[in-house]
Amino acid sequence: MANHSATKKDVRQASKRRERNKYYGKTTRNAIRDLREVKEKKAAAEKMPTTVAMIDKLAKKGVIHKNKAANLKSKLAKKLNKLS
């Protein structure tokens, strides 16, 4: 275990960040899963902006890579455009 107070604080902060990143990452994955399951174009179009915003926030904070975020958004857009 760390002895310096600054190192102890860093451990606490890293733990908080890790828990927060896990929560937002899981929430976003659930939103993506729900969007993929939607079969109507109108319902999918309503969910798309919020899901894209969640993905963008993860990429901005560094939880996921920006290229992964772009790939996810691209795949979701292609799926949305395929719906009739």
C-alpha atoms as a PDB file:
ATOM      1  CA  MET A   1       0.000   0.000   0.000  1.00  0.00           C
ATOM      2  CA  ALA A   2       1.119   3.552  -0.688  1.00  0.00           C
ATOM      3  CA  ASN A   3       2.710   5.562   2.079  1.00  0.00           C
ATOM      4  CA  HIS A   4       2.566   9.117   0.753  1.00  0.00           C
ATOM      5  CA  SER A   5      -0.677  10.999   1.202  1.00  0.00           C
ATOM      6  CA  ALA A   6      -0.616  12.197  -2.421  1.00  0.00           C
ATOM      7  CA  THR A   7      -0.303   8.613  -3.628  1.00  0.00           C
ATOM      8  CA  LYS A   8      -3.168   7.518  -1.392  1.00  0.00           C
ATOM      9  CA  LYS A   9      -5.303  10.299  -2.834  1.00  0.00           C
ATOM     10  CA  ASP A  10      -4.334   9.238  -6.366  1.00  0.00           C
ATOM     11  CA  VAL A  11      -5.457   5.678  -5.595  1.00  0.00           C
ATOM     12  CA  ARG A  12      -8.820   6.995  -4.349  1.00  0.00           C
ATOM     13  CA  GLN A  13      -9.263   9.170  -7.424  1.00  0.00           C
ATOM     14  CA  ALA A  14      -8.327   6.357  -9.800  1.00  0.00           C
ATOM     15  CA  SER A  15     -10.846   4.098  -8.101  1.00  0.00           C
ATOM     16  CA  LYS A  16     -13.596   6.702  -8.488  1.00  0.00           C
ATOM     17  CA  ARG A  17     -12.734   7.250 -12.146  1.00  0.00           C
ATOM     18  CA  ARG A  18     -12.656   3.516 -12.839  1.00  0.00           C
ATOM     19  CA  GLU A  19     -16.100   3.006 -11.289  1.00  0.00           C
ATOM     20  CA  ARG A  20     -17.510   5.987 -13.173  1.00  0.00           C
ATOM     21  CA  ASN A  21     -16.042   4.781 -16.477  1.00  0.00           C
ATOM     22  CA  LYS A  22     -17.435   1.279 -15.907  1.00  0.00           C
ATOM     23  CA  TYR A  23     -20.888   2.709 -15.222  1.00  0.00           C
ATOM     24  CA  TYR A  24     -20.999   4.990 -18.267  1.00  0.00           C
ATOM     25  CA  GLY A  25     -19.450   2.328 -20.493  1.00  0.00           C
ATOM     26  CA  LYS A  26     -22.011  -0.278 -19.460  1.00  0.00           C
ATOM     27  CA  THR A  27     -24.887   2.204 -19.795  1.00  0.00           C
ATOM     28  CA  THR A  28     -23.757   3.090 -23.303  1.00  0.00           C
ATOM     29  CA  ARG A  29     -23.390  -0.567 -24.298  1.00  0.00           C
ATOM     30  CA  ASN A  30     -26.943  -1.189 -23.082  1.00  0.00           C
ATOM     31  CA  ALA A  31     -28.209   1.790 -25.105  1.00  0.00           C
ATOM     32  CA  ILE A  32     -26.446   0.474 -28.215  1.00  0.00           C
ATOM     33  CA  ARG A  33     -27.919  -2.997 -27.656  1.00  0.00           C
ATOM     34  CA  ASP A  34     -31.418  -1.540 -27.245  1.00  0.00           C
ATOM     35  CA  LEU A  35     -31.032   0.556 -30.397  1.00  0.00           C
ATOM     36  CA  ARG A  36     -29.930  -2.501 -32.407  1.00  0.00           C
ATOM     37  CA  GLU A  37     -33.034  -4.409 -31.294  1.00  0.00           C
ATOM     38  CA  VAL A  38     -35.471  -1.731 -32.498  1.00  0.00           C
ATOM     39  CA  LYS A  39     -37.257  -2.766 -35.702  1.00  0.00           C
ATOM     40  CA  GLU A  40     -39.143   0.444 -36.621  1.00  0.00           C
ATOM     41  CA  LYS A  41     -37.296   3.283 -38.279  1.00  0.00           C
ATOM     42  CA  LYS A  42     -39.167   6.027 -36.420  1.00  0.00           C
ATOM     43  CA  ALA A  43     -38.379   4.591 -32.984  1.00  0.00           C
ATOM     44  CA  ALA A  44     -34.754   4.019 -33.946  1.00  0.00           C
ATOM     45  CA  ALA A  45     -34.446   7.577 -35.246  1.00  0.00           C
ATOM     46  CA  GLU A  46     -35.672   8.880 -31.888  1.00  0.00           C
ATOM     47  CA  LYS A  47     -33.127   6.827 -29.910  1.00  0.00           C
ATOM     48  CA  MET A  48     -30.187   7.477 -32.242  1.00  0.00           C
ATOM     49  CA  PRO A  49     -29.196  11.019 -31.107  1.00  0.00           C
ATOM     50  CA  THR A  50     -29.013  10.130 -27.419  1.00  0.00           C
ATOM     51  CA  THR A  51     -26.994   6.988 -28.112  1.00  0.00           C
ATOM     52  CA  VAL A  52     -24.586   8.877 -30.377  1.00  0.00           C
ATOM     53  CA  ALA A  53     -24.150  11.542 -27.697  1.00  0.00           C
ATOM     54  CA  MET A  54     -23.294   8.859 -25.144  1.00  0.00           C
ATOM     55  CA  ILE A  55     -20.699   7.356 -27.486  1.00  0.00           C
ATOM     56  CA  ASP A  56     -19.187  10.792 -28.147  1.00  0.00           C
ATOM     57  CA  LYS A  57     -18.879  11.492 -24.420  1.00  0.00           C
ATOM     58  CA  LEU A  58     -17.051   8.215 -23.856  1.00  0.00           C
ATOM     59  CA  ALA A  59     -14.626   9.030 -26.665  1.00  0.00           C
ATOM     60  CA  LYS A  60     -14.067  12.556 -25.388  1.00  0.00           C
ATOM     61  CA  LYS A  61     -13.252  11.317 -21.893  1.00  0.00           C
ATOM     62  CA  GLY A  62     -10.945   8.617 -23.259  1.00  0.00           C
ATOM     63  CA  VAL A  63     -12.998   5.657 -22.076  1.00  0.00           C
ATOM     64  CA  ILE A  64     -13.089   4.363 -25.652  1.00  0.00           C
ATOM     65  CA  HIS A  65     -10.879   5.291 -28.608  1.00  0.00           C
ATOM     66  CA  LYS A  66     -12.188   7.918 -31.017  1.00  0.00           C
ATOM     67  CA  ASN A  67     -11.968   5.494 -33.951  1.00  0.00           C
ATOM     68  CA  LYS A  68     -14.012   2.907 -32.067  1.00  0.00           C
ATOM     69  CA  ALA A  69     -16.607   5.589 -31.404  1.00  0.00           C
ATOM     70  CA  ALA A  70     -16.670   6.451 -35.108  1.00  0.00           C
ATOM     71  CA  ASN A  71     -17.040   2.780 -36.039  1.00  0.00           C
ATOM     72  CA  LEU A  72     -19.909   2.284 -33.590  1.00  0.00           C
ATOM     73  CA  LYS A  73     -21.745   5.357 -34.874  1.00  0.00           C
ATOM     74  CA  SER A  74     -21.197   4.308 -38.473  1.00  0.00           C
ATOM     75  CA  LYS A  75     -22.564   0.805 -37.896  1.00  0.00           C
ATOM     76  CA  LEU A  76     -25.594   2.191 -36.064  1.00  0.00           C
ATOM     77  CA  ALA A  77     -26.268   4.661 -38.892  1.00  0.00           C
ATOM     78  CA  LYS A  78     -26.028   1.884 -41.497  1.00  0.00           C
ATOM     79  CA  LYS A  79     -28.469  -0.249 -39.519  1.00  0.00           C
ATOM     80  CA  LEU A  80     -30.849   2.706 -39.141  1.00  0.00           C
ATOM     81  CA  ASN A  81     -30.759   3.375 -42.891  1.00  0.00           C
ATOM     82  CA  LYS A  82     -31.528  -0.287 -43.669  1.00  0.00           C
ATOM     83  CA  LEU A  83     -34.759  -0.179 -41.661  1.00  0.00           C
ATOM     84  CA  SER A  84     -37.937   0.411 -43.616  1.00  0.00           C
END
